[in-house]
Amino acid sequence: MPAAGGSGAIIQSIVQEPETPRPAASKDESEPMLYCPRCSTRLTELKCKLVCRKCGYYLSCADYY
């Protein structure tokens, strides 16, 4: 039964913490897709992308397949 004067709806708040880039995790460190094809630097995971901090190359999640 809703409280008097209320609609009975539950209000939910979502707090998002800032995304911090982190090296892509992998069981096999020799996996070629984790390294930049331009400069051979290890790519950094950022949301749905793998990004090279050295030269700016990126691989989006749509490019994985």
PDB file of N, CA and C in Angstrom:
ATOM      1  N   MET A   1       0.852  -1.178   0.000  1.00  0.00           N
ATOM      2  CA  MET A   1       0.000   0.000   0.000  1.00  0.00           C
ATOM      3  C   MET A   1       0.896   1.239   0.000  1.00  0.00           C
ATOM      4  N   PRO A   2       0.734   2.157  -0.969  1.00  0.00           N
ATOM      5  CA  PRO A   2       1.563   3.361  -1.043  1.00  0.00           C
ATOM      6  C   PRO A   2       1.298   4.292   0.135  1.00  0.00           C
ATOM      7  N   ALA A   3       2.325   5.043   0.482  1.00  0.00           N
ATOM      8  CA  ALA A   3       2.196   6.038   1.545  1.00  0.00           C
ATOM      9  C   ALA A   3       1.248   7.135   1.099  1.00  0.00           C
ATOM     10  N   ALA A   4       0.619   7.785   2.036  1.00  0.00           N
ATOM     11  CA  ALA A   4      -0.327   8.850   1.721  1.00  0.00           C
ATOM     12  C   ALA A   4       0.338   9.944   0.902  1.00  0.00           C
ATOM     13  N   GLY A   5      -0.263  10.270  -0.219  1.00  0.00           N
ATOM     14  CA  GLY A   5       0.260  11.337  -1.059  1.00  0.00           C
ATOM     15  C   GLY A   5       1.407  10.893  -1.961  1.00  0.00           C
ATOM     16  N   GLY A   6       1.828   9.633  -1.880  1.00  0.00           N
ATOM     17  CA  GLY A   6       2.936   9.147  -2.700  1.00  0.00           C
ATOM     18  C   GLY A   6       2.441   8.229  -3.799  1.00  0.00           C
ATOM     19  N   SER A   7       3.260   8.021  -4.763  1.00  0.00           N
ATOM     20  CA  SER A   7       2.871   7.160  -5.881  1.00  0.00           C
ATOM     21  C   SER A   7       3.305   5.724  -5.669  1.00  0.00           C
ATOM     22  N   GLY A   8       4.102   5.479  -4.638  1.00  0.00           N
ATOM     23  CA  GLY A   8       4.571   4.130  -4.371  1.00  0.00           C
ATOM     24  C   GLY A   8       5.759   3.734  -5.232  1.00  0.00           C
ATOM     25  N   ALA A   9       6.286   4.660  -6.018  1.00  0.00           N
ATOM     26  CA  ALA A   9       7.428   4.375  -6.889  1.00  0.00           C
ATOM     27  C   ALA A   9       8.723   4.399  -6.082  1.00  0.00           C
ATOM     28  N   ILE A  10       9.629   3.572  -6.497  1.00  0.00           N
ATOM     29  CA  ILE A  10      10.945   3.532  -5.865  1.00  0.00           C
ATOM     30  C   ILE A  10      11.896   4.365  -6.719  1.00  0.00           C
ATOM     31  N   ILE A  11      12.592   5.279  -6.076  1.00  0.00           N
ATOM     32  CA  ILE A  11      13.550   6.127  -6.782  1.00  0.00           C
ATOM     33  C   ILE A  11      14.929   5.531  -6.584  1.00  0.00           C
ATOM     34  N   GLN A  12      15.612   5.313  -7.699  1.00  0.00           N
ATOM     35  CA  GLN A  12      16.936   4.703  -7.635  1.00  0.00           C
ATOM     36  C   GLN A  12      17.957   5.671  -8.219  1.00  0.00           C
ATOM     37  N   SER A  13      19.039   5.847  -7.513  1.00  0.00           N
ATOM     38  CA  SER A  13      20.100   6.739  -7.962  1.00  0.00           C
ATOM     39  C   SER A  13      21.298   5.912  -8.399  1.00  0.00           C
ATOM     40  N   ILE A  14      21.851   6.247  -9.546  1.00  0.00           N
ATOM     41  CA  ILE A  14      23.032   5.549 -10.052  1.00  0.00           C
ATOM     42  C   ILE A  14      24.212   6.495  -9.997  1.00  0.00           C
ATOM     43  N   VAL A  15      25.251   6.087  -9.294  1.00  0.00           N
ATOM     44  CA  VAL A  15      26.466   6.881  -9.187  1.00  0.00           C
ATOM     45  C   VAL A  15      27.532   6.185 -10.017  1.00  0.00           C
ATOM     46  N   GLN A  16      28.084   6.896 -10.972  1.00  0.00           N
ATOM     47  CA  GLN A  16      29.125   6.320 -11.804  1.00  0.00           C
ATOM     48  C   GLN A  16      30.464   6.934 -11.420  1.00  0.00           C
ATOM     49  N   GLU A  17      31.430   6.063 -11.191  1.00  0.00           N
ATOM     50  CA  GLU A  17      32.764   6.536 -10.893  1.00  0.00           C
ATOM     51  C   GLU A  17      33.479   6.782 -12.207  1.00  0.00           C
ATOM     52  N   PRO A  18      34.399   7.747 -12.247  1.00  0.00           N
ATOM     53  CA  PRO A  18      35.103   8.041 -13.490  1.00  0.00           C
ATOM     54  C   PRO A  18      35.891   6.822 -13.980  1.00  0.00           C
ATOM     55  N   GLU A  19      35.861   6.610 -15.304  1.00  0.00           N
ATOM     56  CA  GLU A  19      36.601   5.510 -15.910  1.00  0.00           C
ATOM     57  C   GLU A  19      38.083   5.808 -15.862  1.00  0.00           C
ATOM     58  N   THR A  20      38.849   4.902 -15.316  1.00  0.00           N
ATOM     59  CA  THR A  20      40.289   5.058 -15.315  1.00  0.00           C
ATOM     60  C   THR A  20      40.873   4.015 -16.251  1.00  0.00           C
ATOM     61  N   PRO A  21      41.689   4.437 -17.207  1.00  0.00           N
ATOM     62  CA  PRO A  21      42.275   3.476 -18.133  1.00  0.00           C
ATOM     63  C   PRO A  21      43.134   2.467 -17.381  1.00  0.00           C
ATOM     64  N   ARG A  22      43.074   1.230 -17.833  1.00  0.00           N
ATOM     65  CA  ARG A  22      43.898   0.193 -17.228  1.00  0.00           C
ATOM     66  C   ARG A  22      44.390  -0.728 -18.330  1.00  0.00           C
ATOM     67  N   PRO A  23      45.546  -1.322 -18.144  1.00  0.00           N
ATOM     68  CA  PRO A  23      46.038  -2.248 -19.167  1.00  0.00           C
ATOM     69  C   PRO A  23      45.041  -3.377 -19.382  1.00  0.00           C
ATOM     70  N   ALA A  24      44.845  -3.763 -20.630  1.00  0.00           N
ATOM     71  CA  ALA A  24      43.913  -4.836 -20.952  1.00  0.00           C
ATOM     72  C   ALA A  24      44.355  -6.132 -20.282  1.00  0.00           C
ATOM     73  N   ALA A  25      43.417  -6.783 -19.614  1.00  0.00           N
ATOM     74  CA  ALA A  25      43.747  -8.021 -18.908  1.00  0.00           C
ATOM     75  C   ALA A  25      43.669  -9.202 -19.870  1.00  0.00           C
ATOM     76  N   SER A  26      44.587 -10.108 -19.722  1.00  0.00           N
ATOM     77  CA  SER A  26      44.606 -11.293 -20.569  1.00  0.00           C
ATOM     78  C   SER A  26      45.376 -12.400 -19.871  1.00  0.00           C
ATOM     79  N   LYS A  27      44.944 -13.632 -20.093  1.00  0.00           N
ATOM     80  CA  LYS A  27      45.653 -14.770 -19.529  1.00  0.00           C
ATOM     81  C   LYS A  27      46.956 -14.994 -20.281  1.00  0.00           C
ATOM     82  N   ASP A  28      46.932 -14.722 -21.584  1.00  0.00           N
ATOM     83  CA  ASP A  28      48.109 -14.943 -22.417  1.00  0.00           C
ATOM     84  C   ASP A  28      48.693 -13.595 -22.823  1.00  0.00           C
ATOM     85  N   GLU A  29      49.786 -13.195 -22.200  1.00  0.00           N
ATOM     86  CA  GLU A  29      50.393 -11.887 -22.460  1.00  0.00           C
ATOM     87  C   GLU A  29      50.948 -11.762 -23.879  1.00  0.00           C
ATOM     88  N   SER A  30      51.133 -12.869 -24.581  1.00  0.00           N
ATOM     89  CA  SER A  30      51.688 -12.802 -25.931  1.00  0.00           C
ATOM     90  C   SER A  30      50.604 -12.616 -26.992  1.00  0.00           C
ATOM     91  N   GLU A  31      49.379 -12.332 -26.591  1.00  0.00           N
ATOM     92  CA  GLU A  31      48.279 -12.161 -27.532  1.00  0.00           C
ATOM     93  C   GLU A  31      48.512 -10.911 -28.386  1.00  0.00           C
ATOM     94  N   PRO A  32      48.668 -11.071 -29.691  1.00  0.00           N
ATOM     95  CA  PRO A  32      49.034  -9.952 -30.571  1.00  0.00           C
ATOM     96  C   PRO A  32      48.042  -8.787 -30.582  1.00  0.00           C
ATOM     97  N   MET A  33      46.746  -9.051 -30.412  1.00  0.00           N
ATOM     98  CA  MET A  33      45.768  -7.950 -30.484  1.00  0.00           C
ATOM     99  C   MET A  33      45.887  -6.972 -29.320  1.00  0.00           C
ATOM    100  N   LEU A  34      46.674  -7.292 -28.296  1.00  0.00           N
ATOM    101  CA  LEU A  34      46.852  -6.396 -27.161  1.00  0.00           C
ATOM    102  C   LEU A  34      48.001  -5.422 -27.367  1.00  0.00           C
ATOM    103  N   TYR A  35      48.630  -5.449 -28.533  1.00  0.00           N
ATOM    104  CA  TYR A  35      49.757  -4.566 -28.837  1.00  0.00           C
ATOM    105  C   TYR A  35      49.450  -3.742 -30.081  1.00  0.00           C
ATOM    106  N   CYS A  36      49.887  -2.505 -30.082  1.00  0.00           N
ATOM    107  CA  CYS A  36      49.635  -1.586 -31.180  1.00  0.00           C
ATOM    108  C   CYS A  36      50.341  -2.061 -32.454  1.00  0.00           C
ATOM    109  N   PRO A  37      49.612  -2.139 -33.577  1.00  0.00           N
ATOM    110  CA  PRO A  37      50.232  -2.551 -34.830  1.00  0.00           C
ATOM    111  C   PRO A  37      51.145  -1.473 -35.429  1.00  0.00           C
ATOM    112  N   ARG A  38      51.014  -0.234 -34.958  1.00  0.00           N
ATOM    113  CA  ARG A  38      51.861   0.853 -35.461  1.00  0.00           C
ATOM    114  C   ARG A  38      53.199   0.944 -34.743  1.00  0.00           C
ATOM    115  N   CYS A  39      53.162   0.869 -33.389  1.00  0.00           N
ATOM    116  CA  CYS A  39      54.390   1.137 -32.623  1.00  0.00           C
ATOM    117  C   CYS A  39      54.740   0.045 -31.617  1.00  0.00           C
ATOM    118  N   SER A  40      53.961  -1.017 -31.555  1.00  0.00           N
ATOM    119  CA  SER A  40      54.204  -2.182 -30.692  1.00  0.00           C
ATOM    120  C   SER A  40      54.076  -1.905 -29.188  1.00  0.00           C
ATOM    121  N   THR A  41      53.465  -0.793 -28.815  1.00  0.00           N
ATOM    122  CA  THR A  41      53.214  -0.486 -27.410  1.00  0.00           C
ATOM    123  C   THR A  41      51.991  -1.263 -26.950  1.00  0.00           C
ATOM    124  N   ARG A  42      51.985  -1.695 -25.705  1.00  0.00           N
ATOM    125  CA  ARG A  42      50.826  -2.417 -25.165  1.00  0.00           C
ATOM    126  C   ARG A  42      49.622  -1.477 -25.144  1.00  0.00           C
ATOM    127  N   LEU A  43      48.473  -1.950 -25.641  1.00  0.00           N
ATOM    128  CA  LEU A  43      47.258  -1.146 -25.684  1.00  0.00           C
ATOM    129  C   LEU A  43      46.614  -1.081 -24.308  1.00  0.00           C
ATOM    130  N   THR A  44      45.930   0.032 -24.034  1.00  0.00           N
ATOM    131  CA  THR A  44      45.251   0.267 -22.772  1.00  0.00           C
ATOM    132  C   THR A  44      43.753   0.150 -22.992  1.00  0.00           C
ATOM    133  N   GLU A  45      43.046  -0.539 -22.099  1.00  0.00           N
ATOM    134  CA  GLU A  45      41.605  -0.711 -22.203  1.00  0.00           C
ATOM    135  C   GLU A  45      40.899   0.525 -21.672  1.00  0.00           C
ATOM    136  N   LEU A  46      39.959   1.065 -22.464  1.00  0.00           N
ATOM    137  CA  LEU A  46      39.169   2.221 -22.059  1.00  0.00           C
ATOM    138  C   LEU A  46      37.744   1.991 -22.527  1.00  0.00           C
ATOM    139  N   LYS A  47      36.882   1.607 -21.603  1.00  0.00           N
ATOM    140  CA  LYS A  47      35.498   1.230 -21.906  1.00  0.00           C
ATOM    141  C   LYS A  47      35.496   0.127 -22.956  1.00  0.00           C
ATOM    142  N   CYS A  48      35.014   0.419 -24.149  1.00  0.00           N
ATOM    143  CA  CYS A  48      34.906  -0.602 -25.197  1.00  0.00           C
ATOM    144  C   CYS A  48      36.015  -0.468 -26.237  1.00  0.00           C
ATOM    145  N   LYS A  49      37.108   0.161 -25.899  1.00  0.00           N
ATOM    146  CA  LYS A  49      38.200   0.365 -26.847  1.00  0.00           C
ATOM    147  C   LYS A  49      39.529  -0.083 -26.261  1.00  0.00           C
ATOM    148  N   LEU A  50      40.446  -0.439 -27.147  1.00  0.00           N
ATOM    149  CA  LEU A  50      41.843  -0.628 -26.786  1.00  0.00           C
ATOM    150  C   LEU A  50      42.579   0.539 -27.426  1.00  0.00           C
ATOM    151  N   VAL A  51      43.287   1.334 -26.635  1.00  0.00           N
ATOM    152  CA  VAL A  51      43.897   2.579 -27.097  1.00  0.00           C
ATOM    153  C   VAL A  51      45.407   2.542 -26.871  1.00  0.00           C
ATOM    154  N   CYS A  52      46.173   3.046 -27.859  1.00  0.00           N
ATOM    155  CA  CYS A  52      47.614   3.184 -27.706  1.00  0.00           C
ATOM    156  C   CYS A  52      47.892   4.587 -27.188  1.00  0.00           C
ATOM    157  N   ARG A  53      48.501   4.674 -26.013  1.00  0.00           N
ATOM    158  CA  ARG A  53      48.798   5.989 -25.423  1.00  0.00           C
ATOM    159  C   ARG A  53      49.977   6.662 -26.114  1.00  0.00           C
ATOM    160  N   LYS A  54      50.777   5.900 -26.841  1.00  0.00           N
ATOM    161  CA  LYS A  54      51.953   6.467 -27.480  1.00  0.00           C
ATOM    162  C   LYS A  54      51.625   7.134 -28.821  1.00  0.00           C
ATOM    163  N   CYS A  55      50.897   6.423 -29.706  1.00  0.00           N
ATOM    164  CA  CYS A  55      50.657   6.975 -31.046  1.00  0.00           C
ATOM    165  C   CYS A  55      49.195   7.313 -31.337  1.00  0.00           C
ATOM    166  N   GLY A  56      48.259   6.924 -30.440  1.00  0.00           N
ATOM    167  CA  GLY A  56      46.862   7.285 -30.629  1.00  0.00           C
ATOM    168  C   GLY A  56      46.019   6.268 -31.369  1.00  0.00           C
ATOM    169  N   TYR A  57      46.611   5.168 -31.828  1.00  0.00           N
ATOM    170  CA  TYR A  57      45.853   4.114 -32.509  1.00  0.00           C
ATOM    171  C   TYR A  57      44.796   3.578 -31.554  1.00  0.00           C
ATOM    172  N   TYR A  58      43.602   3.203 -32.085  1.00  0.00           N
ATOM    173  CA  TYR A  58      42.601   2.570 -31.234  1.00  0.00           C
ATOM    174  C   TYR A  58      41.879   1.476 -31.989  1.00  0.00           C
ATOM    175  N   LEU A  59      41.373   0.525 -31.225  1.00  0.00           N
ATOM    176  CA  LEU A  59      40.620  -0.591 -31.739  1.00  0.00           C
ATOM    177  C   LEU A  59      39.314  -0.609 -30.951  1.00  0.00           C
ATOM    178  N   SER A  60      38.178  -0.421 -31.632  1.00  0.00           N
ATOM    179  CA  SER A  60      36.900  -0.396 -30.916  1.00  0.00           C
ATOM    180  C   SER A  60      36.352  -1.800 -30.761  1.00  0.00           C
ATOM    181  N   CYS A  61      35.350  -1.969 -29.924  1.00  0.00           N
ATOM    182  CA  CYS A  61      34.789  -3.294 -29.677  1.00  0.00           C
ATOM    183  C   CYS A  61      34.173  -3.868 -30.950  1.00  0.00           C
ATOM    184  N   ALA A  62      33.757  -3.047 -31.873  1.00  0.00           N
ATOM    185  CA  ALA A  62      33.207  -3.535 -33.133  1.00  0.00           C
ATOM    186  C   ALA A  62      34.298  -4.139 -34.020  1.00  0.00           C
ATOM    187  N   ASP A  63      35.553  -3.783 -33.787  1.00  0.00           N
ATOM    188  CA  ASP A  63      36.665  -4.281 -34.596  1.00  0.00           C
ATOM    189  C   ASP A  63      37.192  -5.624 -34.109  1.00  0.00           C
ATOM    190  N   TYR A  64      36.752  -6.089 -32.933  1.00  0.00           N
ATOM    191  CA  TYR A  64      37.304  -7.321 -32.369  1.00  0.00           C
ATOM    192  C   TYR A  64      37.001  -8.544 -33.218  1.00  0.00           C
ATOM    193  N   TYR A  65      35.876  -8.538 -33.919  1.00  0.00           N
ATOM    194  CA  TYR A  65      35.452  -9.744 -34.643  1.00  0.00           C
ATOM    195  C   TYR A  65      35.601  -9.608 -36.122  1.00  0.00           C
TER     196      TYR A  65
END
